[in-house]
Amino acid sequence: MFLGLGTSSKYYIESGQGYYDITPVRETTAAGGATFARVGVGDATLTVADPSHGAFVGDFVTFSGAASLGADITAAILNQEYQIDTIVDSNSYKIKARAVATVDSITVDGVYTPTLVTAASGDSGNGGGSIVAAYQVSTGLTSAVFGTGWGAGTWGRNTWGSAAALTLTDLMRIWTHDNFGEDLIINVKDNDIFFWDASAAKALSTRATSLATRATALGLTGAPTIATKVLVSDLDRHVIAFGADPVGNIGTQDPLLIRFSDQKNAFDWTPTVDNSAGDLQLGSGSKIETAVETRQQILVFTDVSLYAMQFVGAPFTFGISMISENTTIRGPLAAVAVDDTVYWMGKNEFYVYNGGVQKLPCSVRDFVFSDFNENQAEKCFAALNSSFSEVWWYYPSATSEEIDKYVVYNYVQNIWYVGGLNRTAWIDRGVFNLPIAASTDSYLYNHETGADDGSTSPAQAITAFIESSQFDIGEGDQFSFVRKVIPDLTFRDSTAIAPAVNLTLQARNFPGGAYLQTGASAVTRSAVVPVEQFTQDANVRLRGRSMSLKVDSSATGVAWRLGAPRIEIRPDGRR
């Protein structure tokens, strides 16, 4: 199983023994291209000189071939992976020398916490003339940025005062990947395509490298060096790059171009009479947002339309047709496939494709889209929880820069529900028995297990509730009187000794009126009924023009399932 962790600059593979960092290498300098220099005696800071390094603060670089600086800064200390602390200029940067250890072994709760090694007076060398520096793909931004000029967007992200070179374009880190047999194709949105070779990875520290560079080494030209998204078609085994650079203009992205490799060959991209490589040009929209593969076809989303792409065989390989115009999607991660059905979040609607595009009637639509951070819309992602026939959309609320809310659609029961939770990536059950999700706290979480929040120690209760809309009798023109409630509720899977919930009936006198009106005219109240394992019914006295029912719990170890509650209700006049 492969898992890219949200907007992280790191990429991991799960081997069955743990998670291993295989973050792609974007560039490797030739031997002798880099040198070291101490900043001062008793200081762990080292200056690395490497012309046109192209790195940012927070990037990772792995050195090899270095010799000792002469004393305490040994070759073993230098020949490790380092995170860059400071960018001096385009030709140099600073790191802090650390004791010999892997990056994973010096990470505490997701925070890089190395043991530093300070330079001695004898550390006057430069590491020799055989140093090789392998730079991992640059750290992406954790949020979308907009605007240009002094102080805007990415101003100062590199050296002090460096300009913001953005034109309403975000550089937030978004990964896509797909398996090519046992190997892995990786793409950083609007960046290079990388290839991880499992058969050559005798050590799990082996990193992915540029697919185009690998192709060139095999004598093949024309492989794309930039794409919006990459996937491998399951039926015919083509690698497909969406929003790629054309064969005749490598390095210049065409946001509406789709390119595909030769069948069963990830490195051959130049069309010839002897292969099935080729391309398709879309005509609607300004850019490809994403693509989602179903069992029968690939759906391609632009910013204004939806296409269906299918394998048709020689000589055209793939055919494509528009199936909907004026269709929007929230971002590159906002769609998910369930067999041959695709669900996605649009700008102000939810959609489903099952042979045709339809808007999903949504009872919480206004709740979601009236509290949505439009500037961070690309963080929104769709997640499939197949065990419960649910599609989840995680999104940032209007006052949050990070994801803090979710909306769920149960496609079997055709119902919606909402809640709050911070998650940045998700993978459904499959290889593992439970869904796994990542969060901004740098942890992975198992979902759908236990009754409590395991992100804390000790675990805390999950506050849960379900509440009905208002109901009345007749046409709502007369009052109702409630005298008895039958909860129909079970506590299966609870671990608490005496699990219980509160069942609350709330009364309103007028549409839009407040609950529990106070003052001289107050004639309503709410009835709260504690419900335990053996509660059969409860007597209440409650009068109002309309009612709602709510069940909630906030204790540890409590899990509950609601059936069909019964309420004994009778007319009680019009006054």
Protein backbone atom coordinates (compact mmCIF):
# COMPACT_ATOMS: atom_id res chain seq x y z
CA MET A 1 0.00 0.00 0.00
CA PHE A 2 1.21 3.49 -0.83
CA LEU A 3 0.16 6.57 1.10
CA GLY A 4 0.95 10.21 0.43
CA LEU A 5 0.42 12.23 3.57
CA GLY A 6 -1.62 15.32 2.75
CA THR A 7 0.41 18.41 1.92
CA SER A 8 3.59 16.97 3.40
CA SER A 9 6.91 17.21 1.57
CA LYS A 10 7.44 13.52 2.35
CA TYR A 11 6.11 10.42 0.62
CA TYR A 12 5.89 6.98 2.21
CA ILE A 13 5.51 3.32 1.32
CA GLU A 14 3.98 0.77 3.68
CA SER A 15 5.81 -2.56 3.52
CA GLY A 16 3.93 -4.52 6.14
CA GLN A 17 6.73 -3.68 8.59
CA GLY A 18 6.19 0.07 8.82
CA TYR A 19 6.22 3.26 6.76
CA TYR A 20 9.34 4.13 4.76
CA ASP A 21 10.29 7.44 3.20
CA ILE A 22 10.65 7.19 -0.60
CA THR A 23 10.24 10.91 -1.34
CA PRO A 24 11.27 11.48 -4.99
CA VAL A 25 14.66 12.95 -5.82
CA ARG A 26 14.25 15.97 -8.10
CA GLU A 27 17.95 16.56 -8.79
CA THR A 28 21.36 15.05 -8.02
CA THR A 29 24.50 17.15 -8.34
CA ALA A 30 27.60 15.64 -9.91
CA ALA A 31 30.43 14.55 -7.63
CA GLY A 32 32.31 17.60 -6.44
CA GLY A 33 29.39 19.94 -7.03
CA ALA A 34 28.94 20.71 -3.34
CA THR A 35 31.30 21.65 -0.50
CA PHE A 36 30.95 22.23 3.26
CA ALA A 37 32.29 24.93 5.56
CA ARG A 38 31.84 25.33 9.30
CA VAL A 39 30.30 28.57 10.54
CA GLY A 40 32.27 28.62 13.77
CA VAL A 41 33.92 26.54 16.50
CA GLY A 42 31.31 25.21 18.93
CA ASP A 43 28.54 25.75 16.38
CA ALA A 44 26.71 22.90 14.61
CA THR A 45 25.83 25.10 11.62
CA LEU A 46 27.46 24.21 8.30
CA THR A 47 27.29 26.23 5.10
CA VAL A 48 26.81 24.15 1.95
CA ALA A 49 27.96 25.71 -1.31
CA ASP A 50 26.16 24.24 -4.35
CA PRO A 51 25.58 26.51 -7.37
CA SER A 52 21.94 26.82 -8.48
CA HIS A 53 20.71 24.35 -5.86
CA GLY A 54 17.05 25.39 -6.29
CA ALA A 55 16.15 24.42 -2.72
CA PHE A 56 13.79 26.01 -0.20
CA VAL A 57 13.83 26.13 3.59
CA GLY A 58 12.54 22.80 4.90
CA ASP A 59 13.70 20.77 1.87
CA PHE A 60 15.61 17.54 2.40
CA VAL A 61 18.97 16.68 0.85
CA THR A 62 21.09 13.53 1.17
CA PHE A 63 24.88 13.78 0.91
CA SER A 64 27.28 11.01 -0.11
CA GLY A 65 30.97 10.84 -0.97
CA ALA A 66 31.97 13.45 1.65
CA ALA A 67 35.19 13.23 3.67
CA SER A 68 35.66 14.45 7.26
CA LEU A 69 36.10 18.16 7.86
CA GLY A 70 39.09 17.20 10.00
CA ALA A 71 37.90 16.56 13.55
CA ASP A 72 34.43 16.12 15.11
CA ILE A 73 32.49 16.58 11.85
CA THR A 74 33.28 13.15 10.45
CA ALA A 75 32.42 11.66 7.06
CA ALA A 76 29.68 9.55 8.68
CA ILE A 77 28.08 12.70 10.06
CA LEU A 78 28.15 14.48 6.70
CA ASN A 79 26.95 11.55 4.60
CA GLN A 80 23.37 11.61 5.84
CA GLU A 81 20.02 13.14 5.02
CA TYR A 82 19.56 16.73 6.20
CA GLN A 83 16.75 19.24 6.34
CA ILE A 84 17.76 22.69 5.13
CA ASP A 85 17.55 25.38 7.84
CA THR A 86 18.41 28.58 5.98
CA ILE A 87 18.74 29.66 2.36
CA VAL A 88 21.68 32.04 2.05
CA ASP A 89 21.33 32.64 -1.69
CA SER A 90 20.80 30.69 -4.89
CA ASN A 91 24.24 29.11 -4.52
CA SER A 92 24.40 28.22 -0.82
CA TYR A 93 22.35 27.26 2.22
CA LYS A 94 22.84 26.14 5.83
CA ILE A 95 22.26 22.88 7.70
CA LYS A 96 23.00 21.74 11.27
CA ALA A 97 25.35 18.78 11.68
CA ARG A 98 23.75 15.93 13.60
CA ALA A 99 24.71 12.63 15.17
CA VAL A 100 24.49 9.59 12.91
CA ALA A 101 20.88 8.37 12.74
CA THR A 102 18.07 7.99 10.24
CA VAL A 103 15.62 10.83 9.83
CA ASP A 104 12.80 8.61 11.13
CA SER A 105 14.71 7.72 14.31
CA ILE A 106 15.17 11.38 15.25
CA THR A 107 11.55 12.36 14.71
CA VAL A 108 9.49 12.79 17.87
CA ASP A 109 5.73 13.18 17.43
CA GLY A 110 6.30 14.30 13.86
CA VAL A 111 8.89 16.93 14.83
CA TYR A 112 12.48 16.75 13.56
CA THR A 113 14.57 16.63 16.77
CA PRO A 114 18.21 15.65 15.98
CA THR A 115 21.16 15.50 18.34
CA LEU A 116 23.47 18.25 17.09
CA VAL A 117 27.23 17.89 16.69
CA THR A 118 29.32 21.08 16.98
CA ALA A 119 32.45 21.82 15.01
CA ALA A 120 35.91 21.81 16.59
CA SER A 121 38.88 23.96 15.66
CA GLY A 122 40.23 21.10 13.56
CA ASP A 123 37.14 21.06 11.34
CA SER A 124 38.64 23.35 8.72
CA GLY A 125 38.13 21.17 5.62
CA ASN A 126 35.43 21.34 2.96
CA GLY A 127 34.43 17.67 2.71
CA GLY A 128 36.56 16.87 -0.32
CA GLY A 129 35.93 16.92 -4.04
CA SER A 130 33.62 13.90 -4.33
CA ILE A 131 30.48 15.15 -2.59
CA VAL A 132 27.18 14.25 -4.24
CA ALA A 133 23.99 16.05 -3.11
CA ALA A 134 20.63 14.41 -3.90
CA TYR A 135 17.77 16.89 -3.45
CA GLN A 136 14.33 15.55 -2.70
CA VAL A 137 11.32 17.17 -4.34
CA SER A 138 10.93 20.63 -2.85
CA THR A 139 8.67 21.24 0.10
CA GLY A 140 5.21 22.31 -1.01
CA LEU A 141 3.12 25.00 0.62
CA THR A 142 0.57 23.85 3.19
CA SER A 143 -2.02 26.34 1.97
CA ALA A 144 -3.06 27.93 -1.30
CA VAL A 145 -1.74 31.48 -1.82
CA PHE A 146 -2.94 34.24 -4.09
CA GLY A 147 -1.56 37.52 -5.34
CA THR A 148 1.79 38.99 -6.32
CA GLY A 149 4.05 41.74 -5.13
CA TRP A 150 5.73 42.77 -1.90
CA GLY A 151 4.45 40.77 1.09
CA ALA A 152 1.94 38.76 -0.94
CA GLY A 153 1.76 35.05 -1.59
CA THR A 154 5.19 33.42 -1.39
CA TRP A 155 7.14 36.65 -0.83
CA GLY A 156 10.35 35.77 1.03
CA ARG A 157 9.85 32.00 0.77
CA ASN A 158 13.38 31.56 -0.62
CA THR A 159 16.01 34.12 0.36
CA TRP A 160 14.97 37.20 2.37
CA GLY A 161 12.66 39.44 0.36
CA SER A 162 12.48 37.13 -2.65
CA ALA A 163 9.53 38.06 -4.84
CA ALA A 164 6.20 36.26 -5.09
CA ALA A 165 6.05 34.80 -8.57
CA LEU A 166 2.40 33.77 -8.53
CA THR A 167 -0.53 34.86 -10.66
CA LEU A 168 -3.60 33.48 -8.89
CA THR A 169 -1.83 30.13 -8.89
CA ASP A 170 -1.41 27.94 -5.84
CA LEU A 171 1.65 25.84 -5.15
CA MET A 172 0.05 23.74 -2.44
CA ARG A 173 1.53 20.24 -2.38
CA ILE A 174 -0.91 17.73 -3.90
CA TRP A 175 0.28 14.20 -4.74
CA THR A 176 -1.20 11.65 -7.12
CA HIS A 177 0.11 8.16 -7.65
CA ASP A 178 -0.79 4.81 -9.17
CA ASN A 179 0.69 1.34 -9.29
CA PHE A 180 2.43 0.17 -12.44
CA GLY A 181 2.60 -3.49 -11.56
CA GLU A 182 4.71 -3.61 -8.41
CA ASP A 183 6.28 -0.25 -9.25
CA LEU A 184 4.90 3.18 -8.52
CA ILE A 185 4.23 6.24 -10.66
CA ILE A 186 4.21 9.48 -8.61
CA ASN A 187 3.25 13.00 -9.63
CA VAL A 188 3.38 16.27 -7.75
CA LYS A 189 0.59 18.46 -9.14
CA ASP A 190 1.89 20.68 -11.95
CA ASN A 191 5.37 19.23 -11.50
CA ASP A 192 7.47 16.29 -12.67
CA ILE A 193 6.47 12.61 -12.89
CA PHE A 194 8.56 10.17 -10.84
CA PHE A 195 9.08 6.41 -10.98
CA TRP A 196 9.80 4.10 -8.04
CA ASP A 197 11.24 0.72 -9.04
CA ALA A 198 10.28 -1.95 -6.50
CA SER A 199 12.46 -4.67 -8.03
CA ALA A 200 15.55 -2.46 -7.72
CA ALA A 201 14.65 -1.36 -4.21
CA LYS A 202 16.62 -3.91 -2.23
CA ALA A 203 16.74 -1.33 0.55
CA LEU A 204 13.48 0.41 1.39
CA SER A 205 15.31 3.73 1.49
CA THR A 206 15.58 3.68 -2.32
CA ARG A 207 13.91 6.82 -3.64
CA ALA A 208 11.82 7.56 -6.70
CA THR A 209 13.50 9.46 -9.53
CA SER A 210 12.34 11.37 -12.61
CA LEU A 211 10.51 9.18 -15.13
CA ALA A 212 11.82 11.30 -18.03
CA THR A 213 15.42 10.90 -16.81
CA ARG A 214 14.96 7.13 -16.62
CA ALA A 215 13.48 7.12 -20.13
CA THR A 216 16.45 9.08 -21.50
CA ALA A 217 18.82 6.55 -19.96
CA LEU A 218 16.99 3.88 -21.95
CA GLY A 219 17.40 5.87 -25.18
CA LEU A 220 13.77 7.03 -25.24
CA THR A 221 12.77 10.67 -25.68
CA GLY A 222 9.58 12.64 -25.30
CA ALA A 223 8.50 11.53 -21.82
CA PRO A 224 6.51 14.28 -20.05
CA THR A 225 8.24 16.33 -17.39
CA ILE A 226 5.17 18.06 -15.99
CA ALA A 227 1.57 17.02 -15.33
CA THR A 228 -1.48 17.90 -13.29
CA LYS A 229 -2.23 14.27 -12.50
CA VAL A 230 -1.04 10.81 -13.47
CA LEU A 231 -2.78 7.42 -13.41
CA VAL A 232 -2.40 3.96 -14.91
CA SER A 233 -5.40 2.57 -16.82
CA ASP A 234 -6.19 -0.79 -15.26
CA LEU A 235 -7.57 -2.61 -18.32
CA ASP A 236 -4.97 -1.69 -20.95
CA ARG A 237 -1.89 -0.74 -18.88
CA HIS A 238 -1.13 2.72 -20.27
CA VAL A 239 0.38 5.43 -18.09
CA ILE A 240 -1.71 8.58 -18.62
CA ALA A 241 -0.57 12.13 -17.82
CA PHE A 242 -3.22 14.85 -17.62
CA GLY A 243 -2.28 18.49 -18.20
CA ALA A 244 1.12 17.46 -19.60
CA ASP A 245 3.80 19.02 -21.80
CA PRO A 246 3.60 18.03 -25.50
CA VAL A 247 6.24 15.96 -27.31
CA GLY A 248 7.27 18.95 -29.42
CA ASN A 249 7.60 21.35 -26.49
CA ILE A 250 8.90 19.44 -23.47
CA GLY A 251 8.90 21.53 -20.31
CA THR A 252 5.98 23.79 -21.29
CA GLN A 253 2.72 22.62 -19.75
CA ASP A 254 -0.46 22.41 -21.82
CA PRO A 255 -3.21 22.36 -19.17
CA LEU A 256 -5.74 20.71 -21.54
CA LEU A 257 -3.46 18.05 -23.03
CA ILE A 258 -3.73 14.35 -22.18
CA ARG A 259 -0.76 12.14 -23.03
CA PHE A 260 -0.41 8.37 -22.72
CA SER A 261 2.56 6.04 -22.94
CA ASP A 262 2.98 2.91 -25.00
CA GLN A 263 1.01 -0.03 -23.66
CA LYS A 264 2.81 -1.77 -20.77
CA ASN A 265 5.77 0.60 -21.14
CA ALA A 266 5.99 3.51 -18.71
CA PHE A 267 8.97 5.11 -20.51
CA ASP A 268 7.98 5.21 -24.21
CA TRP A 269 5.84 8.32 -24.88
CA THR A 270 6.71 9.39 -28.44
CA PRO A 271 4.01 8.16 -30.88
CA THR A 272 5.28 5.86 -33.66
CA VAL A 273 3.71 3.30 -35.98
CA ASP A 274 5.09 0.59 -33.71
CA ASN A 275 3.61 1.70 -30.40
CA SER A 276 0.31 2.89 -28.92
CA ALA A 277 1.56 6.13 -27.35
CA GLY A 278 -0.34 9.30 -28.21
CA ASP A 279 -2.24 12.31 -26.95
CA LEU A 280 -5.67 13.94 -26.82
CA GLN A 281 -6.45 17.66 -26.77
CA LEU A 282 -9.53 18.85 -24.88
CA GLY A 283 -11.46 21.81 -26.22
CA SER A 284 -13.58 22.93 -23.28
CA GLY A 285 -12.31 24.77 -20.22
CA SER A 286 -9.00 26.37 -19.33
CA LYS A 287 -7.37 23.45 -17.47
CA ILE A 288 -7.81 19.85 -16.44
CA GLU A 289 -8.70 19.67 -12.76
CA THR A 290 -8.54 15.92 -12.20
CA ALA A 291 -9.39 12.48 -13.58
CA VAL A 292 -11.12 9.52 -11.93
CA GLU A 293 -11.01 5.94 -13.19
CA THR A 294 -14.05 3.68 -13.02
CA ARG A 295 -14.34 0.05 -14.15
CA GLN A 296 -15.32 1.00 -17.69
CA GLN A 297 -13.85 4.45 -18.38
CA ILE A 298 -11.93 7.44 -17.09
CA LEU A 299 -13.80 10.63 -16.25
CA VAL A 300 -11.79 13.78 -16.97
CA PHE A 301 -12.84 17.00 -15.23
CA THR A 302 -11.93 20.44 -16.55
CA ASP A 303 -12.90 23.59 -14.70
CA VAL A 304 -16.20 23.80 -16.65
CA SER A 305 -16.91 20.40 -18.22
CA LEU A 306 -16.72 16.63 -17.91
CA TYR A 307 -15.33 14.15 -20.45
CA ALA A 308 -15.43 10.35 -20.69
CA MET A 309 -12.22 8.69 -21.91
CA GLN A 310 -12.22 5.05 -23.06
CA PHE A 311 -9.74 2.58 -24.49
CA VAL A 312 -10.75 1.85 -28.12
CA GLY A 313 -7.64 0.06 -29.40
CA ALA A 314 -5.56 0.68 -32.53
CA PRO A 315 -5.06 2.99 -34.27
CA PHE A 316 -6.40 5.71 -31.92
CA THR A 317 -5.83 3.87 -28.61
CA PHE A 318 -8.17 6.14 -26.64
CA GLY A 319 -11.36 7.95 -27.55
CA ILE A 320 -12.87 10.83 -25.62
CA SER A 321 -16.28 12.51 -25.63
CA MET A 322 -17.84 15.35 -23.69
CA ILE A 323 -20.68 14.24 -21.44
CA SER A 324 -21.50 17.46 -19.59
CA GLU A 325 -20.90 21.20 -19.79
CA ASN A 326 -21.31 23.79 -17.04
CA THR A 327 -20.20 21.21 -14.50
CA THR A 328 -17.89 22.30 -11.71
CA ILE A 329 -15.63 20.51 -9.24
CA ARG A 330 -14.19 21.90 -6.02
CA GLY A 331 -10.66 20.71 -6.60
CA PRO A 332 -8.40 17.91 -7.82
CA LEU A 333 -9.26 15.64 -4.88
CA ALA A 334 -13.00 16.28 -4.60
CA ALA A 335 -14.21 13.24 -6.61
CA VAL A 336 -14.29 9.53 -5.78
CA ALA A 337 -15.38 6.44 -7.71
CA VAL A 338 -17.63 3.72 -6.34
CA ASP A 339 -17.44 0.99 -8.97
CA ASP A 340 -18.90 2.67 -12.10
CA THR A 341 -20.43 5.57 -10.19
CA VAL A 342 -18.54 8.79 -9.42
CA TYR A 343 -19.50 11.30 -6.74
CA TRP A 344 -18.01 14.77 -6.46
CA MET A 345 -18.39 18.15 -4.81
CA GLY A 346 -18.93 21.08 -7.15
CA LYS A 347 -18.76 24.80 -6.48
CA ASN A 348 -22.25 24.93 -4.94
CA GLU A 349 -23.71 21.49 -5.64
CA PHE A 350 -23.00 17.81 -5.20
CA TYR A 351 -22.99 15.62 -8.32
CA VAL A 352 -23.16 11.97 -9.30
CA TYR A 353 -22.28 10.28 -12.60
CA ASN A 354 -23.80 6.86 -13.30
CA GLY A 355 -24.12 6.98 -17.06
CA GLY A 356 -25.22 10.61 -16.95
CA VAL A 357 -24.53 13.61 -14.75
CA GLN A 358 -27.10 14.48 -12.08
CA LYS A 359 -27.17 16.91 -9.19
CA LEU A 360 -27.56 15.16 -5.85
CA PRO A 361 -30.45 16.54 -3.78
CA CYS A 362 -28.72 17.57 -0.55
CA SER A 363 -30.53 18.41 2.68
CA VAL A 364 -27.39 20.10 4.14
CA ARG A 365 -26.28 21.97 1.03
CA ASP A 366 -26.73 25.46 2.45
CA PHE A 367 -25.07 24.46 5.72
CA VAL A 368 -21.94 23.28 3.87
CA PHE A 369 -21.50 25.94 1.20
CA SER A 370 -22.40 28.92 3.40
CA ASP A 371 -19.54 27.99 5.73
CA PHE A 372 -16.72 27.17 3.32
CA ASN A 373 -13.25 28.70 2.91
CA GLU A 374 -13.16 29.39 -0.83
CA ASN A 375 -9.46 30.31 -0.78
CA GLN A 376 -8.53 26.83 0.47
CA ALA A 377 -11.02 24.90 -1.67
CA GLU A 378 -8.32 22.67 -3.15
CA LYS A 379 -7.80 21.10 0.28
CA CYS A 380 -11.27 19.58 0.04
CA PHE A 381 -11.08 15.86 -0.69
CA ALA A 382 -13.51 12.99 -1.18
CA ALA A 383 -13.14 9.72 0.73
CA LEU A 384 -14.91 6.40 0.34
CA ASN A 385 -15.97 4.49 3.45
CA SER A 386 -17.26 1.39 1.67
CA SER A 387 -18.10 -0.57 4.83
CA PHE A 388 -20.96 1.83 5.49
CA SER A 389 -21.79 2.86 1.90
CA GLU A 390 -20.62 6.41 2.58
CA VAL A 391 -18.84 9.12 0.62
CA TRP A 392 -17.19 11.72 2.84
CA TRP A 393 -16.02 15.19 1.82
CA TYR A 394 -13.57 16.84 4.19
CA TYR A 395 -13.33 20.63 3.81
CA PRO A 396 -12.15 23.81 5.58
CA SER A 397 -14.87 25.97 7.11
CA ALA A 398 -15.02 29.71 6.45
CA THR A 399 -12.90 30.63 9.50
CA SER A 400 -10.31 27.85 9.14
CA GLU A 401 -7.20 27.53 6.96
CA GLU A 402 -7.17 23.76 7.54
CA ILE A 403 -9.79 21.07 7.07
CA ASP A 404 -12.06 21.00 10.11
CA LYS A 405 -15.46 19.88 8.78
CA TYR A 406 -16.96 17.00 6.83
CA VAL A 407 -20.18 16.16 5.05
CA VAL A 408 -21.24 12.57 4.41
CA TYR A 409 -23.56 11.09 1.80
CA ASN A 410 -24.90 7.58 2.38
CA TYR A 411 -25.61 6.40 -1.16
CA VAL A 412 -27.64 3.37 -0.09
CA GLN A 413 -29.96 5.11 2.38
CA ASN A 414 -29.80 8.40 0.40
CA ILE A 415 -29.23 10.52 3.53
CA TRP A 416 -26.74 13.22 4.53
CA TYR A 417 -24.97 14.04 7.78
CA VAL A 418 -22.29 16.50 8.88
CA GLY A 419 -19.61 16.86 11.54
CA GLY A 420 -16.21 18.24 12.47
CA LEU A 421 -12.83 16.49 12.10
CA ASN A 422 -9.31 17.39 10.94
CA ARG A 423 -8.05 15.03 8.21
CA THR A 424 -5.80 15.62 5.18
CA ALA A 425 -5.74 12.24 3.38
CA TRP A 426 -7.70 8.99 3.43
CA ILE A 427 -7.49 5.44 2.13
CA ASP A 428 -10.41 3.04 2.35
CA ARG A 429 -10.16 -0.44 3.84
CA GLY A 430 -8.62 -3.00 1.52
CA VAL A 431 -5.10 -4.14 2.32
CA PHE A 432 -5.95 -3.26 5.90
CA ASN A 433 -9.23 -4.05 7.64
CA LEU A 434 -9.87 -0.44 8.61
CA PRO A 435 -9.75 2.88 6.76
CA ILE A 436 -6.62 4.93 7.49
CA ALA A 437 -6.50 8.73 7.52
CA ALA A 438 -3.79 11.35 8.06
CA SER A 439 -4.06 14.59 9.99
CA THR A 440 -2.12 17.83 10.29
CA ASP A 441 -0.68 16.61 13.61
CA SER A 442 1.55 14.18 11.58
CA TYR A 443 -0.25 11.08 12.81
CA LEU A 444 -2.09 8.31 10.97
CA TYR A 445 -5.44 7.21 12.40
CA ASN A 446 -7.39 3.98 12.13
CA HIS A 447 -11.06 4.73 11.60
CA GLU A 448 -14.24 2.80 12.40
CA THR A 449 -12.75 1.14 15.47
CA GLY A 450 -13.68 1.64 19.12
CA ALA A 451 -16.08 4.13 20.65
CA ASP A 452 -13.65 6.86 21.72
CA ASP A 453 -11.20 9.42 20.31
CA GLY A 454 -7.81 7.68 20.41
CA SER A 455 -5.83 10.77 19.36
CA THR A 456 -5.33 11.60 23.05
CA SER A 457 -3.99 9.59 25.99
CA PRO A 458 -6.12 8.60 27.75
CA ALA A 459 -8.76 8.39 25.05
CA GLN A 460 -11.54 10.94 25.22
CA ALA A 461 -15.22 10.52 24.53
CA ILE A 462 -16.57 11.29 21.09
CA THR A 463 -19.50 13.64 21.43
CA ALA A 464 -22.16 12.28 19.09
CA PHE A 465 -25.74 13.22 18.36
CA ILE A 466 -28.50 12.85 15.83
CA GLU A 467 -31.39 15.28 15.61
CA SER A 468 -34.55 15.23 13.56
CA SER A 469 -36.12 18.17 11.77
CA GLN A 470 -39.32 19.68 13.15
CA PHE A 471 -42.45 17.55 12.88
CA ASP A 472 -46.09 18.34 13.61
CA ILE A 473 -49.56 16.93 13.11
CA GLY A 474 -52.17 18.07 10.63
CA GLU A 475 -51.06 21.16 8.78
CA GLY A 476 -49.20 22.56 11.75
CA ASP A 477 -52.20 24.68 12.62
CA GLN A 478 -52.80 23.08 16.03
CA PHE A 479 -50.77 22.19 19.07
CA SER A 480 -49.68 18.69 20.00
CA PHE A 481 -49.30 17.00 23.35
CA VAL A 482 -46.68 14.28 23.94
CA ARG A 483 -47.02 11.95 26.93
CA LYS A 484 -44.80 8.93 26.22
CA VAL A 485 -41.63 7.99 24.28
CA ILE A 486 -40.38 4.51 23.30
CA PRO A 487 -36.66 5.01 22.47
CA ASP A 488 -35.88 1.85 20.40
CA LEU A 489 -32.16 2.18 21.04
CA THR A 490 -29.40 -0.39 21.62
CA PHE A 491 -25.85 -0.14 23.03
CA ARG A 492 -24.11 -2.85 21.04
CA ASP A 493 -20.28 -2.61 21.07
CA SER A 494 -20.26 -0.31 24.11
CA THR A 495 -17.42 -0.84 26.58
CA ALA A 496 -18.84 1.35 29.37
CA ILE A 497 -20.26 -0.50 32.39
CA ALA A 498 -23.53 1.43 32.26
CA PRO A 499 -23.84 3.06 28.81
CA ALA A 500 -26.49 5.75 28.51
CA VAL A 501 -27.64 8.55 26.22
CA ASN A 502 -29.96 11.50 26.52
CA LEU A 503 -33.12 11.58 24.44
CA THR A 504 -34.43 15.13 24.19
CA LEU A 505 -37.77 16.35 22.85
CA GLN A 506 -37.81 20.06 22.02
CA ALA A 507 -40.96 22.04 21.39
CA ARG A 508 -41.62 25.16 19.32
CA ASN A 509 -44.70 27.31 19.32
CA PHE A 510 -44.07 29.08 16.03
CA PRO A 511 -42.07 28.35 12.86
CA GLY A 512 -38.63 29.89 13.20
CA GLY A 513 -39.19 30.55 16.88
CA ALA A 514 -36.59 29.81 19.50
CA TYR A 515 -36.60 26.74 21.67
CA LEU A 516 -37.72 27.16 25.25
CA GLN A 517 -39.17 30.61 24.86
CA THR A 518 -38.93 32.65 28.02
CA GLY A 519 -41.12 35.47 29.33
CA ALA A 520 -44.82 35.83 30.01
CA SER A 521 -45.85 33.85 26.94
CA ALA A 522 -43.56 30.85 27.61
CA VAL A 523 -45.71 27.74 27.33
CA THR A 524 -43.18 25.20 26.00
CA ARG A 525 -40.21 23.33 27.42
CA SER A 526 -37.89 20.50 26.50
CA ALA A 527 -38.11 17.03 27.97
CA VAL A 528 -34.81 15.22 28.57
CA VAL A 529 -35.06 11.46 29.06
CA PRO A 530 -32.00 9.43 30.20
CA VAL A 531 -31.98 6.18 28.21
CA GLU A 532 -30.03 3.17 29.51
CA GLN A 533 -29.71 -0.44 28.39
CA PHE A 534 -33.02 -1.56 29.84
CA THR A 535 -35.09 1.59 29.33
CA GLN A 536 -38.32 0.51 27.62
CA ASP A 537 -40.29 3.74 27.67
CA ALA A 538 -40.49 7.08 29.42
CA ASN A 539 -43.40 9.28 30.44
CA VAL A 540 -43.14 12.95 29.53
CA ARG A 541 -45.41 15.99 29.37
CA LEU A 542 -44.65 18.34 26.52
CA ARG A 543 -46.85 20.66 24.47
CA GLY A 544 -46.05 22.65 21.33
CA ARG A 545 -47.02 23.35 17.77
CA SER A 546 -44.00 21.38 16.47
CA MET A 547 -41.41 19.05 17.95
CA SER A 548 -37.95 17.72 17.25
CA LEU A 549 -36.15 14.70 18.68
CA LYS A 550 -32.46 14.52 19.54
CA VAL A 551 -30.30 11.66 20.85
CA ASP A 552 -26.82 12.50 22.17
CA SER A 553 -23.97 11.04 24.21
CA SER A 554 -20.70 12.41 25.61
CA ALA A 555 -19.27 9.63 27.78
CA THR A 556 -16.36 7.28 27.08
CA GLY A 557 -17.05 3.73 25.99
CA VAL A 558 -20.55 4.49 24.72
CA ALA A 559 -21.68 3.22 21.32
CA TRP A 560 -25.33 3.30 20.35
CA ARG A 561 -27.63 2.48 17.48
CA LEU A 562 -30.98 4.19 16.96
CA GLY A 563 -33.90 2.29 15.50
CA ALA A 564 -37.38 3.78 15.02
CA PRO A 565 -38.43 5.72 18.16
CA ARG A 566 -42.17 5.90 18.87
CA ILE A 567 -43.82 8.98 20.31
CA GLU A 568 -47.34 8.99 21.75
CA ILE A 569 -48.76 12.26 20.49
CA ARG A 570 -52.29 13.68 20.30
CA PRO A 571 -53.90 16.93 19.15
CA ASP A 572 -54.15 19.55 21.86
CA GLY A 573 -56.13 22.41 20.38
CA ARG A 574 -55.26 25.44 18.29
CA ARG A 575 -54.26 27.84 21.06
